[in-house]
Amino acid sequence: MINALSTFLNRIAGWKSLLIFFALDILFNGFILPNAGDKINALAGKTTGVIDLTFGFNPQKTLTMVADYGDEARAYYARTELTTDMVYPIVYAFLAAIILTLLYRNTPYSRVNLIPFLCLIFDYLENITIVTLLLTYPQQSSTVATLCEIVKLIKWLTFGVLILLVIGGLILKLVRRPRIG
């Protein structure tokens, strides 16, 4: 499975697929996700933000956010997590995997193109914990909130590794670029 995915990425990675997934990423980040966040805030009647975008490790803050949303915002947020936020990780994982494939193709590090899918897995685990917290309210589980914070932290750390790999790959490309003159 891992070999098949890496081979598939090598086959599809090019400017066309890069531009398609880049455009989809812009659509999600520029329109779909901000509108969902705005609607959650509007339904909550105040600016609460979304749990997915919080940093740090604070299970109590997550539980407070869930309580602050109110019934309508909780229901909408849960639907968004189960629809939009199930599609978006696929988009960003493929975008990052294509970028890493283009940067590390034909190097000993070519398998780094699979790391974005670790981020996707932790994003899905985060979504599951968030939906659980939203749908079981007013029951508040410190255990689920802690698990949410753990997978969220791992998601962000994995995303940080992706950024470092892209920067490192760009530096390697610049250093290895044939010089004219």
N, C-alpha and C. Protein backbone atom coordinates (compact mmCIF):
# COMPACT_ATOMS: atom_id res chain seq x y z
N MET A 1 0.82 -1.19 0.00
CA MET A 1 0.00 0.00 0.00
C MET A 1 0.87 1.26 0.00
N ILE A 2 1.87 1.28 0.89
CA ILE A 2 2.76 2.45 0.97
C ILE A 2 3.52 2.63 -0.34
N ASN A 3 4.05 1.53 -0.87
CA ASN A 3 4.77 1.61 -2.14
C ASN A 3 3.84 2.07 -3.25
N ALA A 4 2.62 1.55 -3.26
CA ALA A 4 1.66 1.91 -4.30
C ALA A 4 1.33 3.39 -4.25
N LEU A 5 1.14 3.93 -3.05
CA LEU A 5 0.83 5.35 -2.91
C LEU A 5 2.00 6.21 -3.37
N SER A 6 3.21 5.84 -2.97
CA SER A 6 4.38 6.60 -3.39
C SER A 6 4.56 6.54 -4.91
N THR A 7 4.34 5.38 -5.49
CA THR A 7 4.44 5.22 -6.95
C THR A 7 3.36 6.06 -7.64
N PHE A 8 2.15 6.03 -7.11
CA PHE A 8 1.05 6.82 -7.66
C PHE A 8 1.41 8.31 -7.63
N LEU A 9 1.95 8.77 -6.51
CA LEU A 9 2.34 10.18 -6.39
C LEU A 9 3.41 10.54 -7.42
N ASN A 10 4.37 9.64 -7.61
CA ASN A 10 5.40 9.89 -8.62
C ASN A 10 4.80 9.99 -10.01
N ARG A 11 3.76 9.21 -10.26
CA ARG A 11 3.13 9.21 -11.58
C ARG A 11 2.32 10.48 -11.82
N ILE A 12 1.62 10.98 -10.79
CA ILE A 12 0.74 12.14 -11.01
C ILE A 12 1.43 13.48 -10.75
N ALA A 13 2.55 13.47 -10.05
CA ALA A 13 3.20 14.74 -9.67
C ALA A 13 3.73 15.47 -10.89
N GLY A 14 3.19 16.62 -11.11
CA GLY A 14 3.61 17.49 -12.21
C GLY A 14 2.95 18.84 -12.04
N TRP A 15 3.20 19.74 -12.97
CA TRP A 15 2.65 21.09 -12.86
C TRP A 15 1.13 21.11 -12.89
N LYS A 16 0.53 20.23 -13.72
CA LYS A 16 -0.93 20.22 -13.83
C LYS A 16 -1.58 19.82 -12.50
N SER A 17 -1.13 18.71 -11.92
CA SER A 17 -1.72 18.28 -10.64
C SER A 17 -1.39 19.26 -9.53
N LEU A 18 -0.20 19.84 -9.56
CA LEU A 18 0.17 20.84 -8.57
C LEU A 18 -0.79 22.03 -8.63
N LEU A 19 -1.06 22.52 -9.83
CA LEU A 19 -1.96 23.67 -9.98
C LEU A 19 -3.39 23.34 -9.58
N ILE A 20 -3.86 22.13 -9.90
CA ILE A 20 -5.22 21.73 -9.54
C ILE A 20 -5.37 21.71 -8.01
N PHE A 21 -4.44 21.05 -7.33
CA PHE A 21 -4.55 20.96 -5.87
C PHE A 21 -4.26 22.30 -5.20
N PHE A 22 -3.41 23.12 -5.81
CA PHE A 22 -3.16 24.46 -5.28
C PHE A 22 -4.43 25.30 -5.37
N ALA A 23 -5.13 25.22 -6.51
CA ALA A 23 -6.38 25.96 -6.69
C ALA A 23 -7.44 25.49 -5.69
N LEU A 24 -7.53 24.18 -5.48
CA LEU A 24 -8.48 23.64 -4.50
C LEU A 24 -8.13 24.12 -3.09
N ASP A 25 -6.84 24.14 -2.76
CA ASP A 25 -6.41 24.60 -1.45
C ASP A 25 -6.77 26.07 -1.24
N ILE A 26 -6.58 26.88 -2.27
CA ILE A 26 -6.96 28.29 -2.18
C ILE A 26 -8.47 28.43 -2.00
N LEU A 27 -9.26 27.61 -2.70
CA LEU A 27 -10.71 27.63 -2.56
C LEU A 27 -11.12 27.32 -1.11
N PHE A 28 -10.52 26.29 -0.54
CA PHE A 28 -10.84 25.93 0.85
C PHE A 28 -10.39 27.01 1.83
N ASN A 29 -9.14 27.46 1.70
CA ASN A 29 -8.59 28.43 2.66
C ASN A 29 -9.08 29.86 2.44
N GLY A 30 -9.45 30.18 1.21
CA GLY A 30 -9.88 31.54 0.92
C GLY A 30 -11.37 31.75 1.04
N PHE A 31 -12.14 30.66 0.94
CA PHE A 31 -13.59 30.83 0.91
C PHE A 31 -14.33 29.86 1.82
N ILE A 32 -14.21 28.57 1.57
CA ILE A 32 -15.05 27.57 2.24
C ILE A 32 -14.82 27.55 3.76
N LEU A 33 -13.57 27.38 4.19
CA LEU A 33 -13.30 27.28 5.63
C LEU A 33 -13.52 28.59 6.38
N PRO A 34 -13.09 29.74 5.84
CA PRO A 34 -13.40 30.99 6.56
C PRO A 34 -14.90 31.24 6.69
N ASN A 35 -15.67 30.90 5.65
CA ASN A 35 -17.13 31.08 5.74
C ASN A 35 -17.73 30.17 6.79
N ALA A 36 -17.22 28.94 6.88
CA ALA A 36 -17.71 28.02 7.91
C ALA A 36 -17.39 28.56 9.30
N GLY A 37 -16.18 29.07 9.48
CA GLY A 37 -15.81 29.66 10.77
C GLY A 37 -16.67 30.86 11.12
N ASP A 38 -16.93 31.70 10.11
CA ASP A 38 -17.79 32.87 10.35
C ASP A 38 -19.21 32.44 10.73
N LYS A 39 -19.70 31.38 10.08
CA LYS A 39 -21.06 30.92 10.40
C LYS A 39 -21.12 30.33 11.81
N ILE A 40 -20.07 29.62 12.20
CA ILE A 40 -20.01 29.08 13.57
C ILE A 40 -20.06 30.22 14.57
N ASN A 41 -19.26 31.26 14.32
CA ASN A 41 -19.27 32.43 15.21
C ASN A 41 -20.63 33.12 15.23
N ALA A 42 -21.26 33.24 14.05
CA ALA A 42 -22.58 33.89 13.98
C ALA A 42 -23.63 33.08 14.74
N LEU A 43 -23.61 31.76 14.56
CA LEU A 43 -24.57 30.91 15.26
C LEU A 43 -24.32 30.92 16.77
N ALA A 44 -23.05 31.05 17.16
CA ALA A 44 -22.71 31.10 18.59
C ALA A 44 -23.05 32.45 19.20
N GLY A 45 -23.17 33.47 18.34
CA GLY A 45 -23.47 34.80 18.83
C GLY A 45 -22.26 35.54 19.37
N LYS A 46 -21.08 34.96 19.15
CA LYS A 46 -19.84 35.60 19.57
C LYS A 46 -18.67 34.95 18.84
N THR A 47 -17.53 35.59 18.89
CA THR A 47 -16.35 35.03 18.24
C THR A 47 -15.75 33.96 19.13
N THR A 48 -15.91 32.73 18.71
CA THR A 48 -15.38 31.60 19.48
C THR A 48 -14.22 30.93 18.76
N GLY A 49 -14.20 31.04 17.43
CA GLY A 49 -13.19 30.34 16.65
C GLY A 49 -13.50 28.86 16.57
N VAL A 50 -12.61 28.12 15.92
CA VAL A 50 -12.80 26.67 15.79
C VAL A 50 -11.66 25.96 16.51
N ILE A 51 -11.98 24.84 17.07
CA ILE A 51 -11.01 24.06 17.84
C ILE A 51 -9.84 23.62 16.96
N ASP A 52 -10.14 23.28 15.71
CA ASP A 52 -9.12 22.79 14.78
C ASP A 52 -7.91 23.73 14.65
N LEU A 53 -8.15 25.02 14.80
CA LEU A 53 -7.09 26.00 14.55
C LEU A 53 -6.42 26.51 15.82
N THR A 54 -6.75 25.93 16.97
CA THR A 54 -6.10 26.36 18.20
C THR A 54 -4.75 25.65 18.35
N PHE A 55 -3.83 26.32 19.00
CA PHE A 55 -2.49 25.78 19.23
C PHE A 55 -2.28 25.58 20.72
N GLY A 56 -1.33 24.73 21.03
CA GLY A 56 -1.02 24.48 22.43
C GLY A 56 -1.77 23.25 22.93
N PHE A 57 -1.65 23.03 24.22
CA PHE A 57 -2.29 21.86 24.84
C PHE A 57 -3.14 22.36 26.00
N ASN A 58 -4.44 22.47 25.75
CA ASN A 58 -5.34 23.00 26.77
C ASN A 58 -6.71 22.34 26.66
N PRO A 59 -6.87 21.12 27.21
CA PRO A 59 -8.16 20.42 27.14
C PRO A 59 -9.31 21.24 27.71
N GLN A 60 -9.07 22.00 28.78
CA GLN A 60 -10.14 22.79 29.38
C GLN A 60 -10.63 23.87 28.42
N LYS A 61 -9.71 24.48 27.67
CA LYS A 61 -10.11 25.49 26.68
C LYS A 61 -11.00 24.85 25.62
N THR A 62 -10.67 23.65 25.20
CA THR A 62 -11.49 22.94 24.21
C THR A 62 -12.89 22.70 24.75
N LEU A 63 -12.98 22.24 25.99
CA LEU A 63 -14.30 22.00 26.60
C LEU A 63 -15.09 23.31 26.74
N THR A 64 -14.39 24.39 27.08
CA THR A 64 -15.05 25.70 27.19
C THR A 64 -15.57 26.16 25.83
N MET A 65 -14.77 25.95 24.78
CA MET A 65 -15.19 26.33 23.44
C MET A 65 -16.45 25.56 23.04
N VAL A 66 -16.47 24.26 23.32
CA VAL A 66 -17.64 23.44 22.99
C VAL A 66 -18.88 23.99 23.70
N ALA A 67 -18.74 24.34 24.96
CA ALA A 67 -19.87 24.89 25.73
C ALA A 67 -20.31 26.24 25.18
N ASP A 68 -19.34 27.06 24.77
CA ASP A 68 -19.63 28.41 24.29
C ASP A 68 -20.34 28.46 22.94
N TYR A 69 -20.24 27.40 22.16
CA TYR A 69 -20.84 27.43 20.82
C TYR A 69 -22.35 27.56 20.84
N GLY A 70 -22.99 26.90 21.75
CA GLY A 70 -24.46 26.85 21.73
C GLY A 70 -24.91 25.73 20.81
N ASP A 71 -26.19 25.37 20.91
CA ASP A 71 -26.72 24.20 20.20
C ASP A 71 -26.59 24.31 18.68
N GLU A 72 -27.00 25.44 18.11
CA GLU A 72 -26.97 25.57 16.65
C GLU A 72 -25.54 25.54 16.11
N ALA A 73 -24.64 26.25 16.74
CA ALA A 73 -23.24 26.28 16.28
C ALA A 73 -22.60 24.90 16.45
N ARG A 74 -22.90 24.21 17.54
CA ARG A 74 -22.36 22.86 17.73
C ARG A 74 -22.83 21.93 16.62
N ALA A 75 -24.12 21.99 16.30
CA ALA A 75 -24.67 21.12 15.24
C ALA A 75 -24.04 21.45 13.89
N TYR A 76 -23.92 22.74 13.58
CA TYR A 76 -23.32 23.14 12.30
C TYR A 76 -21.84 22.74 12.24
N TYR A 77 -21.12 22.97 13.32
CA TYR A 77 -19.69 22.63 13.39
C TYR A 77 -19.51 21.13 13.18
N ALA A 78 -20.34 20.32 13.82
CA ALA A 78 -20.24 18.87 13.66
C ALA A 78 -20.48 18.47 12.21
N ARG A 79 -21.50 19.07 11.56
CA ARG A 79 -21.75 18.78 10.13
C ARG A 79 -20.56 19.19 9.27
N THR A 80 -19.97 20.33 9.59
CA THR A 80 -18.81 20.81 8.83
C THR A 80 -17.62 19.87 8.99
N GLU A 81 -17.41 19.39 10.21
CA GLU A 81 -16.31 18.45 10.46
C GLU A 81 -16.52 17.15 9.69
N LEU A 82 -17.77 16.73 9.55
CA LEU A 82 -18.07 15.44 8.90
C LEU A 82 -18.19 15.56 7.38
N THR A 83 -18.15 16.77 6.85
CA THR A 83 -18.26 16.95 5.39
C THR A 83 -17.02 17.70 4.88
N THR A 84 -17.05 19.00 5.01
CA THR A 84 -15.97 19.85 4.49
C THR A 84 -14.61 19.45 5.04
N ASP A 85 -14.54 19.22 6.35
CA ASP A 85 -13.24 18.92 6.96
C ASP A 85 -12.85 17.45 6.83
N MET A 86 -13.62 16.70 6.06
CA MET A 86 -13.18 15.36 5.66
C MET A 86 -12.56 15.44 4.26
N VAL A 87 -13.00 16.42 3.47
CA VAL A 87 -12.47 16.61 2.12
C VAL A 87 -11.18 17.42 2.15
N TYR A 88 -11.15 18.50 2.94
CA TYR A 88 -9.99 19.38 2.93
C TYR A 88 -8.67 18.67 3.24
N PRO A 89 -8.59 17.77 4.22
CA PRO A 89 -7.31 17.08 4.45
C PRO A 89 -6.81 16.29 3.23
N ILE A 90 -7.72 15.78 2.44
CA ILE A 90 -7.31 15.09 1.21
C ILE A 90 -6.66 16.09 0.27
N VAL A 91 -7.26 17.27 0.15
CA VAL A 91 -6.71 18.31 -0.73
C VAL A 91 -5.32 18.72 -0.28
N TYR A 92 -5.17 19.09 1.01
CA TYR A 92 -3.85 19.57 1.44
C TYR A 92 -2.82 18.44 1.46
N ALA A 93 -3.25 17.21 1.75
CA ALA A 93 -2.30 16.09 1.76
C ALA A 93 -1.76 15.85 0.36
N PHE A 94 -2.65 15.85 -0.63
CA PHE A 94 -2.17 15.65 -2.00
C PHE A 94 -1.33 16.83 -2.48
N LEU A 95 -1.71 18.04 -2.13
CA LEU A 95 -0.91 19.21 -2.51
C LEU A 95 0.50 19.08 -1.93
N ALA A 96 0.59 18.83 -0.64
CA ALA A 96 1.90 18.71 0.00
C ALA A 96 2.68 17.51 -0.54
N ALA A 97 2.00 16.40 -0.78
CA ALA A 97 2.67 15.20 -1.30
C ALA A 97 3.21 15.44 -2.70
N ILE A 98 2.46 16.16 -3.51
CA ILE A 98 2.94 16.49 -4.87
C ILE A 98 4.15 17.41 -4.79
N ILE A 99 4.09 18.41 -3.93
CA ILE A 99 5.23 19.31 -3.77
C ILE A 99 6.47 18.52 -3.32
N LEU A 100 6.29 17.66 -2.31
CA LEU A 100 7.43 16.87 -1.83
C LEU A 100 7.93 15.89 -2.89
N THR A 101 7.03 15.33 -3.66
CA THR A 101 7.45 14.43 -4.74
C THR A 101 8.29 15.19 -5.76
N LEU A 102 7.85 16.37 -6.13
CA LEU A 102 8.60 17.17 -7.10
C LEU A 102 9.97 17.58 -6.55
N LEU A 103 10.03 17.85 -5.26
CA LEU A 103 11.30 18.28 -4.66
C LEU A 103 12.27 17.13 -4.40
N TYR A 104 11.75 15.96 -4.05
CA TYR A 104 12.61 14.86 -3.62
C TYR A 104 12.63 13.67 -4.59
N ARG A 105 12.00 13.82 -5.74
CA ARG A 105 11.98 12.75 -6.73
C ARG A 105 13.42 12.38 -7.09
N ASN A 106 13.67 11.08 -7.22
CA ASN A 106 14.99 10.55 -7.60
C ASN A 106 16.08 10.90 -6.58
N THR A 107 15.69 11.00 -5.32
CA THR A 107 16.67 11.18 -4.25
C THR A 107 16.46 10.03 -3.26
N PRO A 108 17.42 9.81 -2.38
CA PRO A 108 17.22 8.78 -1.35
C PRO A 108 16.06 9.09 -0.39
N TYR A 109 15.55 10.31 -0.44
CA TYR A 109 14.50 10.76 0.47
C TYR A 109 13.13 10.82 -0.20
N SER A 110 12.97 10.13 -1.31
CA SER A 110 11.73 10.25 -2.09
C SER A 110 10.48 9.85 -1.31
N ARG A 111 10.62 9.02 -0.29
CA ARG A 111 9.44 8.57 0.47
C ARG A 111 8.90 9.63 1.42
N VAL A 112 9.57 10.77 1.54
CA VAL A 112 9.01 11.83 2.38
C VAL A 112 7.67 12.31 1.81
N ASN A 113 7.40 11.95 0.55
CA ASN A 113 6.12 12.35 -0.05
C ASN A 113 4.93 11.70 0.63
N LEU A 114 5.17 10.75 1.54
CA LEU A 114 4.08 10.09 2.26
C LEU A 114 3.73 10.78 3.58
N ILE A 115 4.60 11.64 4.06
CA ILE A 115 4.39 12.30 5.36
C ILE A 115 3.09 13.12 5.40
N PRO A 116 2.69 13.78 4.31
CA PRO A 116 1.42 14.51 4.39
C PRO A 116 0.22 13.63 4.78
N PHE A 117 0.31 12.34 4.49
CA PHE A 117 -0.80 11.46 4.82
C PHE A 117 -0.83 11.12 6.31
N LEU A 118 0.31 11.26 6.98
CA LEU A 118 0.30 11.17 8.45
C LEU A 118 -0.47 12.35 9.03
N CYS A 119 -0.22 13.51 8.46
CA CYS A 119 -0.94 14.71 8.91
C CYS A 119 -2.44 14.52 8.68
N LEU A 120 -2.81 13.96 7.54
CA LEU A 120 -4.22 13.69 7.23
C LEU A 120 -4.83 12.75 8.27
N ILE A 121 -4.12 11.69 8.63
CA ILE A 121 -4.62 10.73 9.61
C ILE A 121 -4.87 11.41 10.95
N PHE A 122 -3.92 12.23 11.40
CA PHE A 122 -4.10 12.92 12.68
C PHE A 122 -5.19 13.98 12.60
N ASP A 123 -5.36 14.59 11.44
CA ASP A 123 -6.45 15.55 11.25
C ASP A 123 -7.80 14.82 11.36
N TYR A 124 -7.91 13.65 10.76
CA TYR A 124 -9.15 12.88 10.87
C TYR A 124 -9.42 12.45 12.31
N LEU A 125 -8.36 12.04 13.01
CA LEU A 125 -8.53 11.67 14.43
C LEU A 125 -8.98 12.88 15.25
N GLU A 126 -8.41 14.03 14.94
CA GLU A 126 -8.84 15.26 15.60
C GLU A 126 -10.31 15.54 15.32
N ASN A 127 -10.72 15.39 14.06
CA ASN A 127 -12.11 15.63 13.68
C ASN A 127 -13.05 14.70 14.44
N ILE A 128 -12.66 13.44 14.58
CA ILE A 128 -13.49 12.48 15.31
C ILE A 128 -13.66 12.91 16.76
N THR A 129 -12.58 13.36 17.39
CA THR A 129 -12.69 13.78 18.79
C THR A 129 -13.53 15.05 18.92
N ILE A 130 -13.37 15.98 17.98
CA ILE A 130 -14.15 17.22 18.02
C ILE A 130 -15.64 16.90 17.84
N VAL A 131 -15.97 16.07 16.87
CA VAL A 131 -17.37 15.70 16.63
C VAL A 131 -17.93 15.00 17.86
N THR A 132 -17.15 14.14 18.48
CA THR A 132 -17.59 13.45 19.70
C THR A 132 -17.92 14.46 20.78
N LEU A 133 -17.04 15.44 20.98
CA LEU A 133 -17.29 16.47 21.99
C LEU A 133 -18.53 17.30 21.66
N LEU A 134 -18.70 17.63 20.39
CA LEU A 134 -19.83 18.46 19.98
C LEU A 134 -21.16 17.72 20.13
N LEU A 135 -21.18 16.46 19.73
CA LEU A 135 -22.43 15.71 19.73
C LEU A 135 -22.82 15.14 21.09
N THR A 136 -21.87 15.02 22.00
CA THR A 136 -22.20 14.47 23.32
C THR A 136 -22.45 15.56 24.36
N TYR A 137 -22.27 16.83 23.96
CA TYR A 137 -22.55 17.93 24.89
C TYR A 137 -24.00 17.86 25.32
N PRO A 138 -24.37 18.02 26.57
CA PRO A 138 -23.66 18.66 27.65
C PRO A 138 -22.72 17.74 28.44
N GLN A 139 -22.67 16.47 28.08
CA GLN A 139 -21.66 15.61 28.70
C GLN A 139 -20.30 16.14 28.27
N GLN A 140 -19.40 16.35 29.17
CA GLN A 140 -18.07 16.83 28.83
C GLN A 140 -17.04 15.83 29.32
N SER A 141 -16.33 15.26 28.38
CA SER A 141 -15.34 14.25 28.70
C SER A 141 -13.94 14.86 28.66
N SER A 142 -13.31 14.91 29.82
CA SER A 142 -11.92 15.39 29.88
C SER A 142 -11.00 14.46 29.11
N THR A 143 -11.34 13.18 29.10
CA THR A 143 -10.53 12.20 28.37
C THR A 143 -10.56 12.47 26.87
N VAL A 144 -11.76 12.70 26.32
CA VAL A 144 -11.87 12.98 24.88
C VAL A 144 -11.21 14.32 24.55
N ALA A 145 -11.40 15.31 25.42
CA ALA A 145 -10.76 16.62 25.20
C ALA A 145 -9.24 16.50 25.23
N THR A 146 -8.71 15.69 26.13
CA THR A 146 -7.26 15.47 26.19
C THR A 146 -6.77 14.74 24.94
N LEU A 147 -7.51 13.73 24.53
CA LEU A 147 -7.16 13.01 23.30
C LEU A 147 -7.20 13.95 22.10
N CYS A 148 -8.20 14.81 22.07
CA CYS A 148 -8.30 15.82 21.00
C CYS A 148 -7.05 16.69 20.97
N GLU A 149 -6.64 17.15 22.13
CA GLU A 149 -5.46 18.01 22.22
C GLU A 149 -4.19 17.27 21.79
N ILE A 150 -4.09 15.99 22.13
CA ILE A 150 -2.91 15.19 21.75
C ILE A 150 -2.84 15.03 20.24
N VAL A 151 -3.95 14.62 19.62
CA VAL A 151 -3.90 14.41 18.16
C VAL A 151 -3.77 15.73 17.42
N LYS A 152 -4.35 16.79 17.98
CA LYS A 152 -4.21 18.12 17.37
C LYS A 152 -2.74 18.56 17.42
N LEU A 153 -2.10 18.34 18.54
CA LEU A 153 -0.68 18.69 18.68
C LEU A 153 0.18 17.90 17.70
N ILE A 154 -0.10 16.60 17.58
CA ILE A 154 0.67 15.77 16.64
C ILE A 154 0.41 16.23 15.20
N LYS A 155 -0.84 16.60 14.90
CA LYS A 155 -1.17 17.11 13.56
C LYS A 155 -0.32 18.35 13.25
N TRP A 156 -0.29 19.30 14.19
CA TRP A 156 0.47 20.53 13.96
C TRP A 156 1.97 20.26 13.89
N LEU A 157 2.48 19.34 14.70
CA LEU A 157 3.90 19.00 14.62
C LEU A 157 4.23 18.36 13.27
N THR A 158 3.37 17.49 12.81
CA THR A 158 3.57 16.86 11.49
C THR A 158 3.52 17.91 10.39
N PHE A 159 2.61 18.86 10.53
CA PHE A 159 2.53 19.94 9.56
C PHE A 159 3.81 20.77 9.58
N GLY A 160 4.37 21.00 10.76
CA GLY A 160 5.65 21.72 10.87
C GLY A 160 6.77 20.96 10.17
N VAL A 161 6.78 19.64 10.32
CA VAL A 161 7.78 18.82 9.61
C VAL A 161 7.61 18.98 8.10
N LEU A 162 6.37 19.03 7.63
CA LEU A 162 6.12 19.24 6.19
C LEU A 162 6.73 20.55 5.71
N ILE A 163 6.51 21.60 6.49
CA ILE A 163 7.06 22.91 6.11
C ILE A 163 8.58 22.85 6.03
N LEU A 164 9.21 22.22 7.03
CA LEU A 164 10.67 22.09 7.03
C LEU A 164 11.16 21.27 5.84
N LEU A 165 10.42 20.22 5.50
CA LEU A 165 10.81 19.40 4.34
C LEU A 165 10.69 20.18 3.03
N VAL A 166 9.67 21.00 2.91
CA VAL A 166 9.53 21.82 1.70
C VAL A 166 10.67 22.82 1.62
N ILE A 167 10.96 23.50 2.72
CA ILE A 167 12.07 24.47 2.74
C ILE A 167 13.38 23.76 2.43
N GLY A 168 13.62 22.62 3.08
CA GLY A 168 14.84 21.85 2.81
C GLY A 168 14.93 21.38 1.37
N GLY A 169 13.82 20.94 0.81
CA GLY A 169 13.80 20.50 -0.58
C GLY A 169 14.08 21.64 -1.54
N LEU A 170 13.53 22.81 -1.24
CA LEU A 170 13.79 23.98 -2.09
C LEU A 170 15.27 24.37 -2.03
N ILE A 171 15.84 24.32 -0.84
CA ILE A 171 17.26 24.63 -0.69
C ILE A 171 18.11 23.62 -1.47
N LEU A 172 17.78 22.33 -1.35
CA LEU A 172 18.51 21.31 -2.11
C LEU A 172 18.40 21.53 -3.61
N LYS A 173 17.22 21.89 -4.08
CA LYS A 173 17.02 22.16 -5.51
C LYS A 173 17.89 23.33 -5.95
N LEU A 174 17.95 24.36 -5.14
CA LEU A 174 18.76 25.53 -5.50
C LEU A 174 20.25 25.21 -5.48
N VAL A 175 20.69 24.43 -4.50
CA VAL A 175 22.10 24.08 -4.39
C VAL A 175 22.53 23.15 -5.53
N ARG A 176 21.68 22.24 -5.92
CA ARG A 176 22.00 21.25 -6.96
C ARG A 176 21.70 21.74 -8.37
N ARG A 177 21.13 22.92 -8.50
CA ARG A 177 20.80 23.44 -9.81
C ARG A 177 22.06 23.69 -10.61
N PRO A 178 22.07 23.24 -11.87
CA PRO A 178 23.26 23.48 -12.69
C PRO A 178 23.49 24.98 -12.86
N ARG A 179 24.75 25.35 -12.78
CA ARG A 179 25.10 26.78 -12.91
C ARG A 179 25.54 27.08 -14.33
N ILE A 180 25.06 28.20 -14.82
CA ILE A 180 25.41 28.63 -16.16
C ILE A 180 26.50 29.69 -16.03
N GLY A 181 27.52 29.51 -16.85
CA GLY A 181 28.57 30.54 -16.86
C GLY A 181 29.78 30.01 -16.31
